Amino acid sequence: MLTHKLQSPFSRRFGHRWLQQPAALVVALLLAACAPAPVQEMSEARQAIEAARAAGAQQRARPQFEEANELLDAAQQLLNDRRFRDARRSASQARDAAIRAREAAEAVSEE
């Protein structure tokens, strides 16, 4: 009981929790900044490019197909540079471009 009376009103009320909360916030921010590698996005982009290739996009939708490949190459370079957020964005753009290429190739083949 004696130690309780010797503590300041601040430490009696908050104890060491005020030290723990900012530390937890810093850890959470560091973890958020260290985003994981965009493995799923890279895989989806590669699969979409392969589907576009199978649909004949190399011949029937060359500009979209080349754009998808360039975006995937950029994503790979960003991944190598450990710029995961940018790599994720580029991989998603590559997937979208590959889907457009596949759809364009399929539209041409239906004509």
Protein backbone atom coordinates (compact mmCIF):
# COMPACT_ATOMS: atom_id res chain seq x y z
CA MET A 1 0.00 0.00 0.00
CA LEU A 2 2.84 2.35 0.76
CA THR A 3 4.15 2.17 -2.80
CA HIS A 4 0.72 3.10 -4.07
CA LYS A 5 0.86 6.36 -2.13
CA LEU A 6 4.36 7.16 -3.40
CA GLN A 7 3.36 6.89 -7.04
CA SER A 8 2.32 9.96 -8.93
CA PRO A 9 -1.36 10.33 -9.83
CA PHE A 10 -0.39 9.82 -13.48
CA SER A 11 1.39 6.52 -12.92
CA ARG A 12 -1.37 5.29 -10.58
CA ARG A 13 -3.95 5.96 -13.25
CA PHE A 14 -2.08 4.85 -16.35
CA GLY A 15 0.79 2.72 -15.09
CA HIS A 16 3.08 1.56 -17.87
CA ARG A 17 0.28 1.13 -20.38
CA TRP A 18 0.98 4.54 -21.87
CA LEU A 19 4.41 3.21 -22.86
CA GLN A 20 3.01 0.00 -24.31
CA GLN A 21 0.38 1.61 -26.53
CA PRO A 22 2.73 3.83 -28.56
CA ALA A 23 5.08 0.89 -28.94
CA ALA A 24 2.22 -1.24 -30.29
CA LEU A 25 1.30 1.56 -32.68
CA VAL A 26 4.87 1.77 -33.97
CA VAL A 27 4.99 -2.01 -34.47
CA ALA A 28 1.67 -1.95 -36.32
CA LEU A 29 2.87 0.85 -38.60
CA LEU A 30 6.12 -0.97 -39.34
CA LEU A 31 4.25 -4.15 -40.19
CA ALA A 32 1.92 -2.23 -42.49
CA ALA A 33 4.89 -0.64 -44.24
CA CYS A 34 6.45 -4.05 -44.79
CA ALA A 35 3.76 -5.36 -47.08
CA PRO A 36 4.24 -8.95 -48.20
CA ALA A 37 5.43 -9.77 -51.68
CA PRO A 38 2.58 -9.75 -54.23
CA VAL A 39 2.81 -13.46 -54.99
CA GLN A 40 -0.91 -13.87 -55.72
CA GLU A 41 -1.05 -10.83 -58.02
CA MET A 42 2.01 -11.98 -59.97
CA SER A 43 0.49 -15.43 -60.40
CA GLU A 44 -2.84 -14.00 -61.56
CA ALA A 45 -1.07 -11.77 -64.09
CA ARG A 46 0.94 -14.69 -65.49
CA GLN A 47 -2.18 -16.84 -65.78
CA ALA A 48 -4.09 -14.05 -67.52
CA ILE A 49 -1.22 -13.55 -69.98
CA GLU A 50 -1.13 -17.26 -70.69
CA ALA A 51 -4.90 -17.27 -71.29
CA ALA A 52 -4.49 -14.32 -73.66
CA ARG A 53 -1.72 -16.17 -75.50
CA ALA A 54 -3.92 -19.25 -75.80
CA ALA A 55 -6.70 -17.07 -77.26
CA GLY A 56 -4.31 -15.81 -79.94
CA ALA A 57 -3.76 -12.33 -78.50
CA GLN A 58 -0.16 -12.27 -79.75
CA GLN A 59 -1.50 -12.02 -83.30
CA ARG A 60 -5.03 -10.65 -82.88
CA ALA A 61 -4.53 -8.11 -80.08
CA ARG A 62 -0.82 -7.40 -80.17
CA PRO A 63 -0.86 -3.90 -78.53
CA GLN A 64 -2.84 -5.07 -75.48
CA PHE A 65 -0.81 -8.26 -75.25
CA GLU A 66 2.49 -6.36 -75.37
CA GLU A 67 1.21 -3.90 -72.76
CA ALA A 68 0.37 -6.80 -70.42
CA ASN A 69 3.84 -8.29 -70.85
CA GLU A 70 5.54 -4.93 -70.29
CA LEU A 71 3.54 -4.36 -67.13
CA LEU A 72 4.42 -7.84 -65.88
CA ASP A 73 8.11 -7.21 -66.61
CA ALA A 74 7.87 -3.93 -64.69
CA ALA A 75 6.15 -5.72 -61.80
CA GLN A 76 8.93 -8.31 -61.74
CA GLN A 77 11.59 -5.59 -61.61
CA LEU A 78 9.74 -3.80 -58.82
CA LEU A 79 9.45 -7.09 -56.97
CA ASN A 80 13.20 -7.61 -57.33
CA ASP A 81 13.72 -4.10 -55.93
CA ARG A 82 11.44 -5.02 -53.00
CA ARG A 83 8.97 -2.29 -53.92
CA PHE A 84 6.05 -4.57 -53.16
CA ARG A 85 3.25 -2.02 -53.23
CA ASP A 86 4.28 -0.78 -56.69
CA ALA A 87 4.84 -4.36 -57.87
CA ARG A 88 1.33 -5.30 -56.71
CA ARG A 89 -0.16 -2.37 -58.64
CA SER A 90 1.80 -3.20 -61.82
CA ALA A 91 0.90 -6.88 -61.61
CA SER A 92 -2.78 -6.02 -61.27
CA GLN A 93 -2.51 -3.71 -64.27
CA ALA A 94 -0.79 -6.50 -66.21
CA ARG A 95 -3.62 -8.88 -65.36
CA ASP A 96 -6.21 -6.34 -66.51
CA ALA A 97 -4.32 -5.66 -69.76
CA ALA A 98 -4.05 -9.40 -70.40
CA ILE A 99 -7.78 -9.82 -69.86
CA ARG A 100 -8.45 -7.00 -72.33
CA ALA A 101 -6.06 -8.64 -74.81
CA ARG A 102 -7.81 -12.00 -74.46
CA GLU A 103 -11.23 -10.41 -74.88
CA ALA A 104 -10.06 -8.48 -77.95
CA ALA A 105 -8.54 -11.61 -79.48
CA GLU A 106 -11.73 -13.56 -78.87
CA ALA A 107 -13.84 -10.78 -80.42
CA VAL A 108 -11.66 -10.79 -83.55
CA SER A 109 -11.87 -14.58 -83.87
CA GLU A 110 -15.69 -14.44 -83.65
CA GLU A 111 -15.94 -12.09 -86.63
